Amino acid sequence: MAIDFKGKVAIITGAGAGLGRAHALGFAKLGAKVVVNDLGAALDGTGGSSEAAMKVVAEIKAAGGEAIANGASVSDPVGAESIVKDALKAFGRVDVLVNNAGILRDKTFKKTSREDFQIVVDVHLMGAVNVTKAVWTVMEEQQYGRIVMTTSSSGLYGNFGQANYASAKMGLVGLVKTLKHEGKKKNIRVNAIAPTSASRMTETMMTPDMLEKLKPELVTPAVLYLSSEDAPSGMILEAGGGYFAKVEVVETKGVKLGFNVTADDVAANIEKICDMNGAANFDIGPMVVAKILTP
């Protein structure tokens, strides 16, 4: 059966431009009623205007869809709650949340101020926490919810000059992996998208040819899949330019060196310890403990 969102309500944060706009239009095209959230700030998070969100709402309505705008900051818990309240007031429920809002303050770790580190974490990680927290009880009561976090290859693998951004993005992976378990009984499925896309955040680093090939619209199908009725839970899906890949956190088989182990023993066995043959993913943290204690 084809994926659609008829009768569903989707909140998209940071939806005034780029990826968020593409997601909002994608959900609307498949029948969802959409809450377009965007603070309308500059790339570094300063300033604010509701104009961008209103333009996307106008696009959706012009195409025959239903949408409302919200200009709150996700980094403000009260603002995050207002996004959900507006959704409930307008449409009566929330089925999908896509945490997409983000800012950049790129500098080397040495030159990054504590303020610049904190604000990036506040928007990317705590912003996602705030809106998810606001919608969680609603989804539990409905016994239905689909949540997509936006991680990044910079978080998964690191990137020069993005210690603040990468830390926040990897933090979202831990959030996804935990909420996967906590939402299971209430049919709340939580996943992550790792997009590679032309956007305000990447346009200065890409050639015109790269920007053309990495349109935001080419990421949206993965987000729609991760938000669908039959979505998985706990998945990290990389997407960009028509390319899609599943990302896993794995560990090697490992080596048991006994209870009298020394640093020299670790050094002598490091190749065996790091051998990726047979590396595996664990469904939940305590499985690692079980593996360690199994004779």
Protein backbone atom coordinates (compact mmCIF):
# COMPACT_ATOMS: atom_id res chain seq x y z
CA MET A 1 0.00 0.00 0.00
CA ALA A 2 1.32 3.43 -0.93
CA ILE A 3 2.42 5.69 1.92
CA ASP A 4 0.07 8.56 2.65
CA PHE A 5 -0.77 10.82 5.59
CA LYS A 6 -4.46 11.48 5.05
CA GLY A 7 -6.08 12.33 8.38
CA LYS A 8 -2.65 12.77 10.00
CA VAL A 9 -1.13 15.90 11.50
CA ALA A 10 2.59 16.60 11.16
CA ILE A 11 4.75 19.16 12.95
CA ILE A 12 7.95 20.14 11.15
CA THR A 13 10.39 22.39 13.00
CA GLY A 14 12.75 24.68 11.13
CA ALA A 15 10.40 24.39 8.15
CA GLY A 16 10.73 27.87 6.68
CA ALA A 17 13.42 26.90 4.17
CA GLY A 18 15.68 24.12 2.94
CA LEU A 19 15.09 20.64 4.30
CA GLY A 20 12.25 21.64 6.60
CA ARG A 21 10.33 23.35 3.80
CA ALA A 22 10.81 20.30 1.56
CA HIS A 23 9.54 18.03 4.34
CA ALA A 24 6.51 20.24 5.02
CA LEU A 25 5.56 20.29 1.35
CA GLY A 26 6.16 16.54 1.10
CA PHE A 27 3.83 15.75 3.99
CA ALA A 28 1.16 18.11 2.67
CA LYS A 29 1.35 16.53 -0.79
CA LEU A 30 0.59 13.14 0.80
CA GLY A 31 -2.44 14.51 2.65
CA ALA A 32 -1.11 15.60 6.05
CA LYS A 33 -2.21 18.72 7.86
CA VAL A 34 1.03 20.52 8.61
CA VAL A 35 2.31 22.77 11.38
CA VAL A 36 5.14 24.80 9.88
CA ASN A 37 7.41 25.93 12.70
CA ASP A 38 10.23 28.36 12.00
CA LEU A 39 11.79 31.07 14.15
CA GLY A 40 12.95 32.83 11.00
CA ALA A 41 16.40 33.45 12.47
CA ALA A 42 19.72 33.91 10.74
CA LEU A 43 21.98 30.88 10.26
CA ASP A 44 23.69 31.54 13.60
CA GLY A 45 20.34 31.68 15.40
CA THR A 46 20.10 35.44 15.82
CA GLY A 47 17.04 37.50 14.93
CA GLY A 48 13.63 36.13 14.04
CA SER A 49 10.62 36.57 11.77
CA SER A 50 7.48 34.57 11.01
CA GLU A 51 7.67 35.48 7.30
CA ALA A 52 9.44 32.28 6.20
CA ALA A 53 6.94 29.99 7.91
CA MET A 54 4.01 31.96 6.51
CA LYS A 55 5.37 31.61 2.96
CA VAL A 56 5.51 27.82 3.29
CA VAL A 57 1.97 27.77 4.71
CA ALA A 58 0.86 29.82 1.70
CA GLU A 59 2.51 27.32 -0.65
CA ILE A 60 0.70 24.43 1.00
CA LYS A 61 -2.66 26.20 0.91
CA ALA A 62 -2.18 27.22 -2.71
CA ALA A 63 -1.78 23.52 -3.54
CA GLY A 64 -5.01 22.69 -1.73
CA GLY A 65 -3.51 21.56 1.57
CA GLU A 66 -4.04 22.59 5.19
CA ALA A 67 -1.32 24.22 7.28
CA ILE A 68 -0.66 26.71 10.04
CA ALA A 69 2.49 28.62 11.01
CA ASN A 70 4.24 28.81 14.36
CA GLY A 71 7.22 31.08 15.01
CA ALA A 72 8.40 29.79 18.39
CA SER A 73 11.98 28.86 19.24
CA VAL A 74 12.43 25.15 19.94
CA SER A 75 15.22 25.97 22.40
CA ASP A 76 12.62 27.59 24.68
CA PRO A 77 10.53 24.94 26.48
CA VAL A 78 7.51 27.27 26.56
CA GLY A 79 7.92 27.97 22.86
CA ALA A 80 8.19 24.25 22.16
CA GLU A 81 4.96 23.63 24.05
CA SER A 82 3.25 26.35 22.01
CA ILE A 83 4.00 24.43 18.81
CA VAL A 84 2.11 21.40 20.09
CA LYS A 85 -0.68 23.52 21.58
CA ASP A 86 -1.19 25.27 18.24
CA ALA A 87 -1.33 21.91 16.48
CA LEU A 88 -3.94 20.57 18.88
CA LYS A 89 -5.99 23.75 18.73
CA ALA A 90 -6.03 23.77 14.92
CA PHE A 91 -6.20 20.07 14.15
CA GLY A 92 -6.99 18.14 17.36
CA ARG A 93 -4.06 15.71 17.31
CA VAL A 94 -0.37 15.25 16.41
CA ASP A 95 0.73 12.12 14.59
CA VAL A 96 4.17 13.07 13.33
CA LEU A 97 6.99 15.25 14.66
CA VAL A 98 10.06 15.98 12.55
CA ASN A 99 12.73 17.72 14.62
CA ASN A 100 14.61 19.61 11.92
CA ALA A 101 15.40 23.04 13.42
CA GLY A 102 19.07 23.92 13.65
CA ILE A 103 21.75 26.60 13.59
CA LEU A 104 25.48 26.73 12.92
CA ARG A 105 28.31 28.45 14.77
CA ASP A 106 31.30 26.72 13.24
CA LYS A 107 34.78 27.30 14.67
CA THR A 108 37.61 25.08 15.81
CA PHE A 109 37.13 23.79 19.35
CA LYS A 110 39.94 26.06 20.57
CA LYS A 111 38.18 29.16 19.23
CA THR A 112 34.60 28.16 20.10
CA SER A 113 33.24 30.03 23.09
CA ARG A 114 31.21 28.22 25.72
CA GLU A 115 28.24 30.35 24.64
CA ASP A 116 28.56 29.22 21.00
CA PHE A 117 28.86 25.61 22.11
CA GLN A 118 25.85 25.84 24.42
CA ILE A 119 23.48 27.55 21.99
CA VAL A 120 24.10 24.96 19.25
CA VAL A 121 23.41 22.16 21.74
CA ASP A 122 20.34 24.07 22.99
CA VAL A 123 18.81 24.28 19.51
CA HIS A 124 19.74 20.92 17.99
CA LEU A 125 19.66 18.58 20.98
CA MET A 126 17.60 20.33 23.63
CA GLY A 127 15.28 21.80 20.99
CA ALA A 128 14.43 18.28 19.85
CA VAL A 129 14.05 17.22 23.50
CA ASN A 130 11.72 20.15 24.22
CA VAL A 131 9.31 19.54 21.34
CA THR A 132 9.40 15.77 21.79
CA LYS A 133 8.69 16.20 25.49
CA ALA A 134 5.73 18.44 24.66
CA VAL A 135 4.23 15.93 22.24
CA TRP A 136 5.08 12.66 24.03
CA THR A 137 2.02 12.48 26.31
CA VAL A 138 -0.26 13.38 23.39
CA MET A 139 1.14 10.49 21.38
CA GLU A 140 0.94 8.12 24.33
CA GLU A 141 -2.75 8.93 24.82
CA GLN A 142 -3.41 8.40 21.10
CA GLN A 143 -1.31 5.23 21.19
CA TYR A 144 0.24 6.45 17.97
CA GLY A 145 3.20 8.64 17.10
CA ARG A 146 6.08 8.92 14.66
CA ILE A 147 9.11 11.06 15.55
CA VAL A 148 12.11 11.78 13.34
CA MET A 149 15.27 13.38 14.72
CA THR A 150 17.78 15.03 12.39
CA THR A 151 21.30 13.82 13.06
CA SER A 152 24.27 14.37 10.72
CA SER A 153 27.33 12.70 9.24
CA SER A 154 29.27 15.30 11.24
CA GLY A 155 27.81 13.83 14.42
CA LEU A 156 28.21 10.23 13.31
CA TYR A 157 31.77 10.58 12.05
CA GLY A 158 33.02 14.01 13.16
CA ASN A 159 33.98 17.08 11.13
CA PHE A 160 36.67 19.73 11.50
CA GLY A 161 35.38 22.91 13.11
CA GLN A 162 32.05 21.44 14.22
CA ALA A 163 32.62 20.12 17.73
CA ASN A 164 29.47 21.83 19.05
CA TYR A 165 27.28 20.72 16.14
CA ALA A 166 28.67 17.17 16.07
CA SER A 167 28.18 16.74 19.82
CA ALA A 168 24.54 17.78 19.59
CA LYS A 169 23.89 15.60 16.56
CA MET A 170 25.41 12.48 18.14
CA GLY A 171 23.40 13.19 21.29
CA LEU A 172 20.26 12.81 19.19
CA VAL A 173 21.33 9.27 18.27
CA GLY A 174 21.34 8.31 21.95
CA LEU A 175 17.91 9.91 22.33
CA VAL A 176 16.54 7.90 19.39
CA LYS A 177 17.97 4.62 20.66
CA THR A 178 16.39 5.14 24.10
CA LEU A 179 12.99 6.46 23.00
CA LYS A 180 12.73 3.50 20.64
CA HIS A 181 12.27 1.35 23.75
CA GLU A 182 10.22 3.78 25.83
CA GLY A 183 7.70 4.39 23.04
CA LYS A 184 7.23 0.78 21.97
CA LYS A 185 4.19 -0.10 24.10
CA LYS A 186 2.34 3.03 22.97
CA ASN A 187 3.11 2.59 19.25
CA ILE A 188 5.47 5.57 19.19
CA ARG A 189 8.29 4.94 16.74
CA VAL A 190 11.39 7.11 16.82
CA ASN A 191 14.04 7.28 14.09
CA ALA A 192 16.80 9.56 12.80
CA ILE A 193 17.60 11.00 9.41
CA ALA A 194 21.20 11.91 8.53
CA PRO A 195 20.75 14.24 5.55
CA THR A 196 23.27 15.44 3.00
CA SER A 197 21.62 18.37 1.31
CA ALA A 198 22.04 21.79 -0.18
CA SER A 199 20.88 24.29 2.42
CA ARG A 200 21.82 27.53 4.14
CA MET A 201 24.17 25.43 6.25
CA THR A 202 26.01 23.88 3.31
CA GLU A 203 25.69 26.27 0.35
CA THR A 204 28.98 28.05 1.07
CA MET A 205 30.85 24.73 1.06
CA MET A 206 29.46 23.32 -2.20
CA THR A 207 29.86 24.00 -5.91
CA PRO A 208 26.80 24.87 -8.04
CA ASP A 209 26.88 21.34 -9.46
CA MET A 210 26.88 19.80 -5.99
CA LEU A 211 24.03 22.05 -4.90
CA GLU A 212 21.96 20.93 -7.89
CA LYS A 213 22.56 17.24 -7.17
CA LEU A 214 21.85 17.57 -3.45
CA LYS A 215 18.41 19.14 -3.49
CA PRO A 216 16.55 18.98 -0.14
CA GLU A 217 13.64 17.26 -1.89
CA LEU A 218 15.83 14.18 -2.34
CA VAL A 219 16.05 13.70 1.44
CA THR A 220 12.33 14.06 2.13
CA PRO A 221 11.29 10.57 0.86
CA ALA A 222 13.37 9.01 3.63
CA VAL A 223 11.72 11.24 6.23
CA LEU A 224 8.28 10.33 4.92
CA TYR A 225 9.15 6.64 5.14
CA LEU A 226 10.45 6.99 8.71
CA SER A 227 7.19 8.77 9.63
CA SER A 228 4.85 6.27 7.99
CA GLU A 229 2.42 3.77 9.48
CA ASP A 230 4.83 0.88 8.92
CA ALA A 231 7.98 2.76 9.92
CA PRO A 232 10.74 0.95 11.82
CA SER A 233 11.96 2.29 15.15
CA GLY A 234 15.50 3.12 16.21
CA MET A 235 16.80 3.39 12.65
CA ILE A 236 19.41 5.89 11.47
CA LEU A 237 18.89 6.47 7.75
CA GLU A 238 21.37 8.47 5.70
CA ALA A 239 19.95 10.24 2.66
CA GLY A 240 21.10 12.65 -0.01
CA GLY A 241 21.24 12.98 -3.79
CA GLY A 242 19.15 9.85 -4.30
CA TYR A 243 21.47 7.81 -2.05
CA PHE A 244 20.18 5.99 1.03
CA ALA A 245 22.05 3.95 3.63
CA LYS A 246 21.35 2.50 7.05
CA VAL A 247 23.85 3.55 9.73
CA GLU A 248 24.55 1.28 12.71
CA VAL A 249 26.54 1.62 15.90
CA VAL A 250 28.48 -1.64 16.09
CA GLU A 251 31.23 -3.22 18.14
CA THR A 252 33.72 -5.97 17.44
CA LYS A 253 33.53 -9.49 18.88
CA GLY A 254 36.05 -8.34 21.45
CA VAL A 255 38.62 -10.28 23.46
CA LYS A 256 38.34 -11.42 27.08
CA LEU A 257 41.72 -10.92 28.77
CA GLY A 258 40.83 -12.02 32.31
CA PHE A 259 40.70 -10.26 35.66
CA ASN A 260 44.41 -9.61 36.02
CA VAL A 261 44.66 -7.64 32.79
CA THR A 262 47.29 -4.94 32.38
CA ALA A 263 47.71 -2.05 29.93
CA ASP A 264 50.43 -4.11 28.23
CA ASP A 265 47.93 -6.94 27.69
CA VAL A 266 45.56 -4.52 25.99
CA ALA A 267 48.39 -3.21 23.79
CA ALA A 268 49.48 -6.73 22.86
CA ASN A 269 45.93 -7.70 21.81
CA ILE A 270 44.77 -4.46 20.24
CA GLU A 271 44.61 -5.90 16.70
CA LYS A 272 42.32 -8.72 17.86
CA ILE A 273 40.25 -6.27 19.90
CA CYS A 274 39.80 -4.02 16.86
CA ASP A 275 39.13 -6.80 14.32
CA MET A 276 35.85 -5.83 12.64
CA ASN A 277 35.09 -9.33 11.36
CA GLY A 278 31.85 -10.39 13.01
CA ALA A 279 31.13 -6.91 14.40
CA ALA A 280 27.54 -6.59 15.61
CA ASN A 281 24.90 -4.12 16.68
CA PHE A 282 23.18 -4.37 20.06
CA ASP A 283 19.49 -3.60 20.50
CA ILE A 284 19.90 -2.13 23.99
CA GLY A 285 22.79 -1.15 26.29
CA PRO A 286 22.44 -3.92 28.90
CA MET A 287 23.19 -6.49 26.18
CA VAL A 288 26.81 -5.33 26.37
CA VAL A 289 26.91 -6.20 30.07
CA ALA A 290 25.45 -9.62 29.32
CA LYS A 291 28.10 -10.19 26.65
CA ILE A 292 30.90 -9.26 29.04
CA LEU A 293 29.66 -11.53 31.82
CA THR A 294 28.89 -14.53 29.61
CA PRO A 295 31.65 -17.18 30.09
